[in-house]
Amino acid sequence: MRIHSSVPHGRAIQTPAPRSSVSRALALAIATGGGAGYAPVAPGTAGAAVGVALYWPLAALPLPLYAITAVGVTALGIWAAELAERTWGTKDDGRIVIDEIAGQLISLIPLLVFRGHSHSLAWIVTGFVAFRVFDVWKPGPARWLEENLPGGAGVVMDDVMAGVFAAALLAAAIALRGAKFA
């Protein structure tokens, strides 16, 4: 068991570290969004930007396959965040940004629902900003998920909820502009 008393990136936790160095390295690479979580300023924003970068090629997928991919990223993120927490000995470490990646992918789903908006830079930026606002604000259910779910699920699911809120706002904004469904 590891117990860290001086923790710069999160609250100390007491859990066993993962045994396999391969699974640990893979989990840390995923959890940090390929290193975006090591950004010296605003690592969450850097992680969300990775989500936008992943969205761009994934937007070519049919909506059901995109949604399955977003769910897969979420599940993978829960696993990776759990192992990262155990490795670093901290709860919701700031270097973990896979949660922002998953939430950002979810927030952009309306761009695939409304015809002709999947690669609109203005709508992508709107979705990015909406997600970051909800991610930082953590209204009601998002805050509850963060505070009440254990381990990796608590790290990731609040951002998934922020992504759902941002998606609803983005869909409403696009609909108000008179967009057509795909």
N, C-alpha and C. Protein backbone atom coordinates (compact mmCIF):
# COMPACT_ATOMS: atom_id res chain seq x y z
N MET A 1 0.84 -1.18 0.00
CA MET A 1 0.00 0.00 0.00
C MET A 1 0.88 1.24 0.00
N ARG A 2 0.42 2.25 -0.75
CA ARG A 2 1.13 3.53 -0.75
C ARG A 2 0.28 4.56 -0.03
N ILE A 3 0.93 5.35 0.79
CA ILE A 3 0.27 6.48 1.41
C ILE A 3 1.16 7.68 1.17
N HIS A 4 0.60 8.69 0.50
CA HIS A 4 1.36 9.89 0.21
C HIS A 4 0.86 11.01 1.10
N SER A 5 1.74 11.62 1.86
CA SER A 5 1.33 12.70 2.73
C SER A 5 1.45 14.06 2.05
N SER A 6 2.36 14.20 1.13
CA SER A 6 2.52 15.45 0.40
C SER A 6 2.11 15.21 -1.04
N VAL A 7 0.95 15.70 -1.41
CA VAL A 7 0.38 15.41 -2.72
C VAL A 7 0.11 16.71 -3.46
N PRO A 8 0.87 17.01 -4.53
CA PRO A 8 0.71 18.29 -5.21
C PRO A 8 -0.50 18.34 -6.15
N HIS A 9 -1.01 17.21 -6.64
CA HIS A 9 -2.02 17.24 -7.69
C HIS A 9 -3.40 16.78 -7.28
N GLY A 10 -3.62 16.37 -6.06
CA GLY A 10 -4.94 15.87 -5.65
C GLY A 10 -4.90 15.46 -4.19
N ARG A 11 -5.99 14.85 -3.73
CA ARG A 11 -6.09 14.39 -2.34
C ARG A 11 -5.43 13.03 -2.22
N ALA A 12 -4.76 12.78 -1.09
CA ALA A 12 -4.07 11.51 -0.87
C ALA A 12 -5.08 10.38 -0.72
N ILE A 13 -4.74 9.22 -1.27
CA ILE A 13 -5.56 8.03 -1.12
C ILE A 13 -4.65 6.88 -0.71
N GLN A 14 -5.25 5.85 -0.17
CA GLN A 14 -4.49 4.69 0.26
C GLN A 14 -5.00 3.48 -0.53
N THR A 15 -4.26 3.08 -1.55
CA THR A 15 -4.63 1.92 -2.37
C THR A 15 -3.36 1.25 -2.87
N PRO A 16 -3.45 0.00 -3.20
CA PRO A 16 -2.28 -0.66 -3.76
C PRO A 16 -2.00 -0.17 -5.18
N ALA A 17 -0.74 0.00 -5.50
CA ALA A 17 -0.36 0.39 -6.85
C ALA A 17 -0.50 -0.82 -7.77
N PRO A 18 -0.78 -0.58 -9.08
CA PRO A 18 -0.87 -1.70 -10.01
C PRO A 18 0.45 -2.45 -10.09
N ARG A 19 0.38 -3.76 -10.24
CA ARG A 19 1.58 -4.59 -10.23
C ARG A 19 2.32 -4.61 -11.57
N SER A 20 1.62 -4.61 -12.66
CA SER A 20 2.25 -4.72 -13.97
C SER A 20 2.73 -3.35 -14.46
N SER A 21 4.00 -3.28 -14.82
CA SER A 21 4.53 -2.00 -15.32
C SER A 21 3.94 -1.66 -16.69
N VAL A 22 3.57 -2.67 -17.47
CA VAL A 22 2.96 -2.42 -18.79
C VAL A 22 1.58 -1.81 -18.61
N SER A 23 0.75 -2.42 -17.75
CA SER A 23 -0.59 -1.87 -17.54
C SER A 23 -0.52 -0.49 -16.89
N ARG A 24 0.45 -0.29 -16.01
CA ARG A 24 0.63 1.02 -15.37
C ARG A 24 1.01 2.07 -16.41
N ALA A 25 1.95 1.75 -17.28
CA ALA A 25 2.39 2.71 -18.30
C ALA A 25 1.26 3.02 -19.28
N LEU A 26 0.52 1.99 -19.67
CA LEU A 26 -0.61 2.19 -20.59
C LEU A 26 -1.69 3.04 -19.92
N ALA A 27 -2.00 2.73 -18.67
CA ALA A 27 -3.02 3.49 -17.94
C ALA A 27 -2.61 4.96 -17.80
N LEU A 28 -1.35 5.22 -17.49
CA LEU A 28 -0.90 6.60 -17.34
C LEU A 28 -0.91 7.35 -18.67
N ALA A 29 -0.55 6.66 -19.76
CA ALA A 29 -0.60 7.29 -21.08
C ALA A 29 -2.04 7.67 -21.44
N ILE A 30 -2.97 6.76 -21.17
CA ILE A 30 -4.38 7.03 -21.46
C ILE A 30 -4.91 8.10 -20.51
N ALA A 31 -4.65 7.94 -19.23
CA ALA A 31 -5.17 8.88 -18.23
C ALA A 31 -4.71 10.31 -18.49
N THR A 32 -3.49 10.48 -18.94
CA THR A 32 -2.95 11.82 -19.20
C THR A 32 -3.23 12.30 -20.62
N GLY A 33 -4.02 11.55 -21.36
CA GLY A 33 -4.35 11.98 -22.73
C GLY A 33 -3.11 12.08 -23.59
N GLY A 34 -2.24 11.08 -23.48
CA GLY A 34 -1.01 11.08 -24.26
C GLY A 34 -0.02 12.14 -23.83
N GLY A 35 -0.17 12.61 -22.60
CA GLY A 35 0.75 13.62 -22.06
C GLY A 35 0.12 14.99 -21.88
N ALA A 36 -1.07 15.21 -22.40
CA ALA A 36 -1.72 16.52 -22.27
C ALA A 36 -1.93 16.89 -20.80
N GLY A 37 -2.11 15.91 -19.95
CA GLY A 37 -2.31 16.16 -18.53
C GLY A 37 -1.09 16.74 -17.83
N TYR A 38 0.06 16.67 -18.49
CA TYR A 38 1.28 17.26 -17.92
C TYR A 38 1.44 18.73 -18.31
N ALA A 39 0.47 19.29 -19.00
CA ALA A 39 0.54 20.71 -19.37
C ALA A 39 0.73 21.54 -18.10
N PRO A 40 1.66 22.49 -18.11
CA PRO A 40 1.94 23.25 -16.89
C PRO A 40 0.80 24.19 -16.49
N VAL A 41 -0.04 24.56 -17.44
CA VAL A 41 -1.17 25.45 -17.18
C VAL A 41 -2.42 24.82 -17.78
N ALA A 42 -3.50 24.77 -17.04
CA ALA A 42 -4.81 24.30 -17.49
C ALA A 42 -4.77 22.93 -18.17
N PRO A 43 -4.31 21.89 -17.45
CA PRO A 43 -4.28 20.57 -18.08
C PRO A 43 -5.66 20.06 -18.48
N GLY A 44 -6.72 20.45 -17.77
CA GLY A 44 -8.06 20.05 -18.16
C GLY A 44 -8.45 20.61 -19.51
N THR A 45 -8.08 21.85 -19.76
CA THR A 45 -8.35 22.47 -21.05
C THR A 45 -7.52 21.78 -22.14
N ALA A 46 -6.29 21.41 -21.81
CA ALA A 46 -5.46 20.67 -22.77
C ALA A 46 -6.10 19.32 -23.09
N GLY A 47 -6.65 18.65 -22.08
CA GLY A 47 -7.33 17.38 -22.30
C GLY A 47 -8.56 17.55 -23.17
N ALA A 48 -9.34 18.60 -22.93
CA ALA A 48 -10.51 18.88 -23.75
C ALA A 48 -10.10 19.14 -25.20
N ALA A 49 -8.97 19.81 -25.39
CA ALA A 49 -8.47 20.07 -26.74
C ALA A 49 -8.10 18.75 -27.43
N VAL A 50 -7.57 17.79 -26.68
CA VAL A 50 -7.31 16.46 -27.24
C VAL A 50 -8.64 15.82 -27.67
N GLY A 51 -9.68 16.02 -26.87
CA GLY A 51 -11.01 15.52 -27.24
C GLY A 51 -11.49 16.11 -28.55
N VAL A 52 -11.27 17.39 -28.76
CA VAL A 52 -11.64 18.03 -30.02
C VAL A 52 -10.81 17.45 -31.17
N ALA A 53 -9.52 17.26 -30.93
CA ALA A 53 -8.65 16.69 -31.97
C ALA A 53 -9.10 15.28 -32.35
N LEU A 54 -9.54 14.49 -31.36
CA LEU A 54 -10.06 13.16 -31.65
C LEU A 54 -11.42 13.22 -32.34
N TYR A 55 -12.23 14.22 -31.97
CA TYR A 55 -13.55 14.37 -32.59
C TYR A 55 -13.43 14.53 -34.10
N TRP A 56 -12.48 15.32 -34.53
CA TRP A 56 -12.39 15.69 -35.95
C TRP A 56 -12.41 14.45 -36.86
N PRO A 57 -11.53 13.46 -36.70
CA PRO A 57 -11.62 12.28 -37.58
C PRO A 57 -12.80 11.36 -37.22
N LEU A 58 -13.15 11.30 -35.94
CA LEU A 58 -14.26 10.43 -35.53
C LEU A 58 -15.60 10.92 -36.06
N ALA A 59 -15.71 12.20 -36.38
CA ALA A 59 -16.97 12.76 -36.89
C ALA A 59 -17.36 12.14 -38.23
N ALA A 60 -16.42 11.48 -38.90
CA ALA A 60 -16.73 10.81 -40.17
C ALA A 60 -17.50 9.51 -39.94
N LEU A 61 -17.52 9.02 -38.71
CA LEU A 61 -18.22 7.78 -38.40
C LEU A 61 -19.73 8.01 -38.38
N PRO A 62 -20.50 6.96 -38.67
CA PRO A 62 -21.95 7.08 -38.47
C PRO A 62 -22.23 7.34 -36.98
N LEU A 63 -23.31 8.06 -36.70
CA LEU A 63 -23.63 8.45 -35.33
C LEU A 63 -23.61 7.28 -34.34
N PRO A 64 -24.22 6.12 -34.65
CA PRO A 64 -24.17 5.02 -33.66
C PRO A 64 -22.74 4.56 -33.35
N LEU A 65 -21.89 4.51 -34.36
CA LEU A 65 -20.51 4.09 -34.13
C LEU A 65 -19.73 5.15 -33.34
N TYR A 66 -20.01 6.42 -33.62
CA TYR A 66 -19.38 7.50 -32.84
C TYR A 66 -19.79 7.37 -31.38
N ALA A 67 -21.09 7.16 -31.13
CA ALA A 67 -21.58 7.04 -29.76
C ALA A 67 -20.95 5.85 -29.05
N ILE A 68 -20.82 4.72 -29.74
CA ILE A 68 -20.17 3.54 -29.15
C ILE A 68 -18.71 3.86 -28.83
N THR A 69 -18.05 4.60 -29.70
CA THR A 69 -16.66 5.00 -29.46
C THR A 69 -16.56 5.89 -28.22
N ALA A 70 -17.49 6.84 -28.07
CA ALA A 70 -17.48 7.72 -26.90
C ALA A 70 -17.70 6.92 -25.62
N VAL A 71 -18.59 5.93 -25.67
CA VAL A 71 -18.81 5.07 -24.51
C VAL A 71 -17.55 4.25 -24.22
N GLY A 72 -16.88 3.77 -25.27
CA GLY A 72 -15.63 3.02 -25.10
C GLY A 72 -14.54 3.87 -24.48
N VAL A 73 -14.42 5.12 -24.92
CA VAL A 73 -13.43 6.03 -24.33
C VAL A 73 -13.75 6.26 -22.85
N THR A 74 -15.03 6.39 -22.54
CA THR A 74 -15.45 6.57 -21.15
C THR A 74 -15.05 5.36 -20.30
N ALA A 75 -15.35 4.16 -20.79
CA ALA A 75 -15.01 2.94 -20.04
C ALA A 75 -13.50 2.80 -19.88
N LEU A 76 -12.77 3.05 -20.95
CA LEU A 76 -11.31 2.99 -20.90
C LEU A 76 -10.77 4.05 -19.94
N GLY A 77 -11.42 5.21 -19.93
CA GLY A 77 -11.01 6.28 -19.04
C GLY A 77 -11.21 5.93 -17.57
N ILE A 78 -12.31 5.25 -17.26
CA ILE A 78 -12.54 4.83 -15.88
C ILE A 78 -11.44 3.88 -15.42
N TRP A 79 -11.11 2.93 -16.27
CA TRP A 79 -10.02 1.98 -15.95
C TRP A 79 -8.69 2.72 -15.76
N ALA A 80 -8.36 3.60 -16.72
CA ALA A 80 -7.08 4.30 -16.66
C ALA A 80 -7.01 5.26 -15.47
N ALA A 81 -8.10 5.96 -15.19
CA ALA A 81 -8.11 6.89 -14.05
C ALA A 81 -7.95 6.13 -12.73
N GLU A 82 -8.58 4.98 -12.65
CA GLU A 82 -8.47 4.14 -11.44
C GLU A 82 -7.00 3.75 -11.20
N LEU A 83 -6.35 3.25 -12.25
CA LEU A 83 -4.95 2.84 -12.11
C LEU A 83 -4.03 4.03 -11.87
N ALA A 84 -4.32 5.16 -12.50
CA ALA A 84 -3.50 6.36 -12.29
C ALA A 84 -3.61 6.82 -10.84
N GLU A 85 -4.82 6.81 -10.31
CA GLU A 85 -4.99 7.19 -8.90
C GLU A 85 -4.18 6.29 -7.98
N ARG A 86 -4.23 5.00 -8.25
CA ARG A 86 -3.48 4.06 -7.41
C ARG A 86 -1.97 4.27 -7.56
N THR A 87 -1.54 4.52 -8.78
CA THR A 87 -0.11 4.71 -9.03
C THR A 87 0.42 5.96 -8.35
N TRP A 88 -0.30 7.07 -8.49
CA TRP A 88 0.14 8.33 -7.93
C TRP A 88 -0.26 8.50 -6.47
N GLY A 89 -1.20 7.67 -6.00
CA GLY A 89 -1.64 7.77 -4.62
C GLY A 89 -2.47 9.00 -4.33
N THR A 90 -3.13 9.55 -5.35
CA THR A 90 -3.96 10.73 -5.17
C THR A 90 -5.33 10.53 -5.79
N LYS A 91 -6.32 11.19 -5.22
CA LYS A 91 -7.69 11.16 -5.71
C LYS A 91 -7.88 12.28 -6.72
N ASP A 92 -8.38 11.93 -7.91
CA ASP A 92 -8.69 12.90 -8.98
C ASP A 92 -7.51 13.83 -9.27
N ASP A 93 -6.36 13.21 -9.49
CA ASP A 93 -5.13 13.94 -9.78
C ASP A 93 -5.32 14.84 -11.00
N GLY A 94 -4.80 16.05 -10.95
CA GLY A 94 -4.92 17.01 -12.04
C GLY A 94 -4.32 16.55 -13.36
N ARG A 95 -3.40 15.60 -13.29
CA ARG A 95 -2.80 15.09 -14.53
C ARG A 95 -3.74 14.17 -15.30
N ILE A 96 -4.79 13.68 -14.64
CA ILE A 96 -5.75 12.80 -15.31
C ILE A 96 -6.69 13.67 -16.14
N VAL A 97 -6.64 13.52 -17.47
CA VAL A 97 -7.48 14.32 -18.37
C VAL A 97 -8.31 13.46 -19.31
N ILE A 98 -8.26 12.14 -19.17
CA ILE A 98 -9.10 11.29 -20.02
C ILE A 98 -10.57 11.60 -19.77
N ASP A 99 -10.90 12.07 -18.58
CA ASP A 99 -12.28 12.46 -18.28
C ASP A 99 -12.72 13.65 -19.13
N GLU A 100 -11.84 14.61 -19.33
CA GLU A 100 -12.14 15.74 -20.22
C GLU A 100 -12.27 15.29 -21.66
N ILE A 101 -11.45 14.34 -22.07
CA ILE A 101 -11.53 13.83 -23.45
C ILE A 101 -12.89 13.17 -23.67
N ALA A 102 -13.30 12.30 -22.76
CA ALA A 102 -14.59 11.62 -22.89
C ALA A 102 -15.74 12.62 -22.87
N GLY A 103 -15.71 13.54 -21.93
CA GLY A 103 -16.77 14.55 -21.83
C GLY A 103 -16.85 15.42 -23.06
N GLN A 104 -15.70 15.78 -23.61
CA GLN A 104 -15.68 16.61 -24.82
C GLN A 104 -16.27 15.86 -26.00
N LEU A 105 -15.93 14.59 -26.15
CA LEU A 105 -16.51 13.80 -27.24
C LEU A 105 -18.04 13.75 -27.13
N ILE A 106 -18.54 13.61 -25.93
CA ILE A 106 -19.99 13.56 -25.72
C ILE A 106 -20.62 14.91 -26.02
N SER A 107 -19.97 15.98 -25.62
CA SER A 107 -20.54 17.31 -25.82
C SER A 107 -20.71 17.66 -27.30
N LEU A 108 -19.96 17.04 -28.17
CA LEU A 108 -20.00 17.38 -29.59
C LEU A 108 -20.96 16.49 -30.40
N ILE A 109 -21.63 15.56 -29.76
CA ILE A 109 -22.57 14.67 -30.46
C ILE A 109 -23.63 15.44 -31.25
N PRO A 110 -24.18 16.56 -30.75
CA PRO A 110 -25.18 17.26 -31.56
C PRO A 110 -24.69 17.70 -32.94
N LEU A 111 -23.40 17.89 -33.08
CA LEU A 111 -22.88 18.28 -34.40
C LEU A 111 -23.06 17.18 -35.43
N LEU A 112 -23.18 15.94 -34.96
CA LEU A 112 -23.41 14.82 -35.86
C LEU A 112 -24.90 14.61 -36.10
N VAL A 113 -25.72 15.10 -35.20
CA VAL A 113 -27.17 14.93 -35.31
C VAL A 113 -27.76 15.94 -36.30
N PHE A 114 -27.23 17.14 -36.30
CA PHE A 114 -27.73 18.18 -37.19
C PHE A 114 -26.92 18.20 -38.48
N ARG A 115 -27.61 18.05 -39.59
CA ARG A 115 -26.98 17.97 -40.91
C ARG A 115 -26.11 19.20 -41.20
N GLY A 116 -24.92 18.94 -41.68
CA GLY A 116 -24.02 20.00 -42.13
C GLY A 116 -23.22 20.70 -41.05
N HIS A 117 -23.25 20.23 -39.82
CA HIS A 117 -22.54 20.91 -38.75
C HIS A 117 -21.35 20.14 -38.19
N SER A 118 -21.09 18.94 -38.69
CA SER A 118 -20.09 18.09 -38.05
C SER A 118 -18.68 18.69 -38.07
N HIS A 119 -18.36 19.50 -39.06
CA HIS A 119 -17.02 20.10 -39.10
C HIS A 119 -17.07 21.63 -39.09
N SER A 120 -18.13 22.19 -38.56
CA SER A 120 -18.25 23.64 -38.43
C SER A 120 -17.36 24.11 -37.28
N LEU A 121 -16.33 24.85 -37.61
CA LEU A 121 -15.39 25.31 -36.59
C LEU A 121 -16.09 26.15 -35.52
N ALA A 122 -17.03 26.99 -35.92
CA ALA A 122 -17.73 27.83 -34.95
C ALA A 122 -18.51 26.98 -33.95
N TRP A 123 -19.19 25.93 -34.43
CA TRP A 123 -19.96 25.08 -33.52
C TRP A 123 -19.05 24.20 -32.68
N ILE A 124 -17.92 23.77 -33.23
CA ILE A 124 -16.97 22.98 -32.44
C ILE A 124 -16.41 23.83 -31.29
N VAL A 125 -16.05 25.07 -31.59
CA VAL A 125 -15.55 25.96 -30.54
C VAL A 125 -16.65 26.22 -29.50
N THR A 126 -17.88 26.39 -29.96
CA THR A 126 -19.00 26.58 -29.02
C THR A 126 -19.14 25.37 -28.11
N GLY A 127 -19.06 24.16 -28.68
CA GLY A 127 -19.14 22.94 -27.89
C GLY A 127 -17.97 22.81 -26.92
N PHE A 128 -16.79 23.22 -27.34
CA PHE A 128 -15.60 23.19 -26.49
C PHE A 128 -15.79 24.11 -25.29
N VAL A 129 -16.21 25.34 -25.55
CA VAL A 129 -16.39 26.32 -24.47
C VAL A 129 -17.52 25.87 -23.54
N ALA A 130 -18.63 25.40 -24.10
CA ALA A 130 -19.75 24.94 -23.27
C ALA A 130 -19.30 23.80 -22.36
N PHE A 131 -18.54 22.86 -22.91
CA PHE A 131 -18.07 21.75 -22.08
C PHE A 131 -17.17 22.25 -20.96
N ARG A 132 -16.23 23.12 -21.27
CA ARG A 132 -15.32 23.60 -20.22
C ARG A 132 -16.07 24.35 -19.12
N VAL A 133 -17.09 25.13 -19.50
CA VAL A 133 -17.89 25.85 -18.49
C VAL A 133 -18.58 24.85 -17.57
N PHE A 134 -19.25 23.84 -18.15
CA PHE A 134 -19.95 22.86 -17.32
C PHE A 134 -18.97 21.99 -16.53
N ASP A 135 -17.80 21.72 -17.09
CA ASP A 135 -16.80 20.92 -16.39
C ASP A 135 -16.27 21.63 -15.16
N VAL A 136 -16.03 22.92 -15.28
CA VAL A 136 -15.54 23.70 -14.14
C VAL A 136 -16.66 23.98 -13.14
N TRP A 137 -17.83 24.31 -13.63
CA TRP A 137 -18.97 24.66 -12.79
C TRP A 137 -19.50 23.44 -12.02
N LYS A 138 -19.57 22.30 -12.67
CA LYS A 138 -20.08 21.05 -12.09
C LYS A 138 -21.45 21.23 -11.42
N PRO A 139 -22.47 21.56 -12.22
CA PRO A 139 -23.79 21.73 -11.63
C PRO A 139 -24.35 20.41 -11.09
N GLY A 140 -25.14 20.52 -10.02
CA GLY A 140 -25.88 19.44 -9.38
C GLY A 140 -25.40 18.02 -9.58
N PRO A 141 -25.97 17.33 -10.58
CA PRO A 141 -25.64 15.91 -10.77
C PRO A 141 -24.15 15.66 -11.03
N ALA A 142 -23.49 16.56 -11.72
CA ALA A 142 -22.06 16.38 -11.99
C ALA A 142 -21.26 16.39 -10.69
N ARG A 143 -21.55 17.34 -9.83
CA ARG A 143 -20.86 17.42 -8.54
C ARG A 143 -21.16 16.18 -7.70
N TRP A 144 -22.43 15.73 -7.70
CA TRP A 144 -22.80 14.55 -6.94
C TRP A 144 -22.01 13.33 -7.42
N LEU A 145 -21.91 13.15 -8.73
CA LEU A 145 -21.15 12.01 -9.27
C LEU A 145 -19.70 12.06 -8.83
N GLU A 146 -19.09 13.24 -8.92
CA GLU A 146 -17.69 13.40 -8.52
C GLU A 146 -17.48 13.04 -7.05
N GLU A 147 -18.42 13.46 -6.21
CA GLU A 147 -18.26 13.27 -4.77
C GLU A 147 -18.69 11.89 -4.27
N ASN A 148 -19.51 11.18 -5.03
CA ASN A 148 -20.10 9.95 -4.51
C ASN A 148 -19.69 8.67 -5.23
N LEU A 149 -19.17 8.76 -6.43
CA LEU A 149 -18.71 7.55 -7.10
C LEU A 149 -17.26 7.28 -6.73
N PRO A 150 -16.90 6.03 -6.49
CA PRO A 150 -15.53 5.72 -6.09
C PRO A 150 -14.57 5.65 -7.27
N GLY A 151 -13.30 5.88 -6.99
CA GLY A 151 -12.22 5.64 -7.93
C GLY A 151 -12.36 6.31 -9.28
N GLY A 152 -12.01 5.55 -10.32
CA GLY A 152 -12.03 6.07 -11.68
C GLY A 152 -13.40 6.52 -12.14
N ALA A 153 -14.46 5.86 -11.65
CA ALA A 153 -15.82 6.27 -12.02
C ALA A 153 -16.11 7.68 -11.53
N GLY A 154 -15.68 8.01 -10.33
CA GLY A 154 -15.88 9.35 -9.79
C GLY A 154 -15.10 10.41 -10.55
N VAL A 155 -13.94 10.02 -11.04
CA VAL A 155 -13.10 10.95 -11.81
C VAL A 155 -13.74 11.24 -13.17
N VAL A 156 -14.26 10.22 -13.82
CA VAL A 156 -14.72 10.35 -15.21
C VAL A 156 -16.18 10.76 -15.33
N MET A 157 -17.05 10.22 -14.50
CA MET A 157 -18.48 10.40 -14.74
C MET A 157 -18.99 11.82 -14.53
N ASP A 158 -18.33 12.61 -13.68
CA ASP A 158 -18.75 14.01 -13.56
C ASP A 158 -18.50 14.77 -14.86
N ASP A 159 -17.42 14.42 -15.55
CA ASP A 159 -17.12 15.06 -16.83
C ASP A 159 -18.05 14.56 -17.93
N VAL A 160 -18.44 13.30 -17.84
CA VAL A 160 -19.44 12.78 -18.78
C VAL A 160 -20.74 13.56 -18.61
N MET A 161 -21.14 13.80 -17.36
CA MET A 161 -22.36 14.58 -17.11
C MET A 161 -22.19 16.02 -17.61
N ALA A 162 -21.02 16.60 -17.42
CA ALA A 162 -20.76 17.94 -17.96
C ALA A 162 -20.88 17.91 -19.48
N GLY A 163 -20.42 16.83 -20.10
CA GLY A 163 -20.55 16.67 -21.55
C GLY A 163 -22.00 16.57 -21.99
N VAL A 164 -22.82 15.88 -21.19
CA VAL A 164 -24.26 15.78 -21.49
C VAL A 164 -24.90 17.16 -21.40
N PHE A 165 -24.59 17.92 -20.36
CA PHE A 165 -25.13 19.27 -20.23
C PHE A 165 -24.70 20.14 -21.42
N ALA A 166 -23.42 20.07 -21.78
CA ALA A 166 -22.92 20.86 -22.89
C ALA A 166 -23.58 20.44 -24.20
N ALA A 167 -23.80 19.14 -24.39
CA ALA A 167 -24.46 18.64 -25.59
C ALA A 167 -25.89 19.16 -25.68
N ALA A 168 -26.59 19.18 -24.56
CA ALA A 168 -27.97 19.70 -24.55
C ALA A 168 -27.99 21.18 -24.92
N LEU A 169 -27.05 21.93 -24.36
CA LEU A 169 -26.97 23.36 -24.67
C LEU A 169 -26.61 23.57 -26.14
N LEU A 170 -25.66 22.80 -26.65
CA LEU A 170 -25.24 22.92 -28.04
C LEU A 170 -26.38 22.56 -28.98
N ALA A 171 -27.10 21.48 -28.68
CA ALA A 171 -28.24 21.08 -29.51
C ALA A 171 -29.31 22.17 -29.53
N ALA A 172 -29.59 22.75 -28.37
CA ALA A 172 -30.59 23.82 -28.31
C ALA A 172 -30.14 25.02 -29.13
N ALA A 173 -28.88 25.38 -29.03
CA ALA A 173 -28.36 26.53 -29.79
C ALA A 173 -28.44 26.27 -31.29
N ILE A 174 -28.09 25.08 -31.72
CA ILE A 174 -28.15 24.76 -33.15
C ILE A 174 -29.61 24.74 -33.62
N ALA A 175 -30.49 24.15 -32.82
CA ALA A 175 -31.91 24.09 -33.19
C ALA A 175 -32.51 25.49 -33.30
N LEU A 176 -32.11 26.37 -32.39
CA LEU A 176 -32.62 27.76 -32.44
C LEU A 176 -32.16 28.47 -33.69
N ARG A 177 -31.06 28.04 -34.23
CA ARG A 177 -30.55 28.63 -35.49
C ARG A 177 -31.26 28.03 -36.70
N GLY A 178 -32.19 27.11 -36.47
CA GLY A 178 -32.99 26.55 -37.56
C GLY A 178 -32.32 25.44 -38.33
N ALA A 179 -31.39 24.72 -37.69
CA ALA A 179 -30.68 23.63 -38.38
C ALA A 179 -31.62 22.45 -38.63
N LYS A 180 -31.27 21.66 -39.62
CA LYS A 180 -32.03 20.46 -39.97
C LYS A 180 -31.35 19.23 -39.38
N PHE A 181 -32.18 18.25 -38.96
CA PHE A 181 -31.65 16.99 -38.47
C PHE A 181 -31.04 16.21 -39.61
N ALA A 182 -29.99 15.44 -39.29
CA ALA A 182 -29.34 14.58 -40.31
C ALA A 182 -30.23 13.41 -40.65
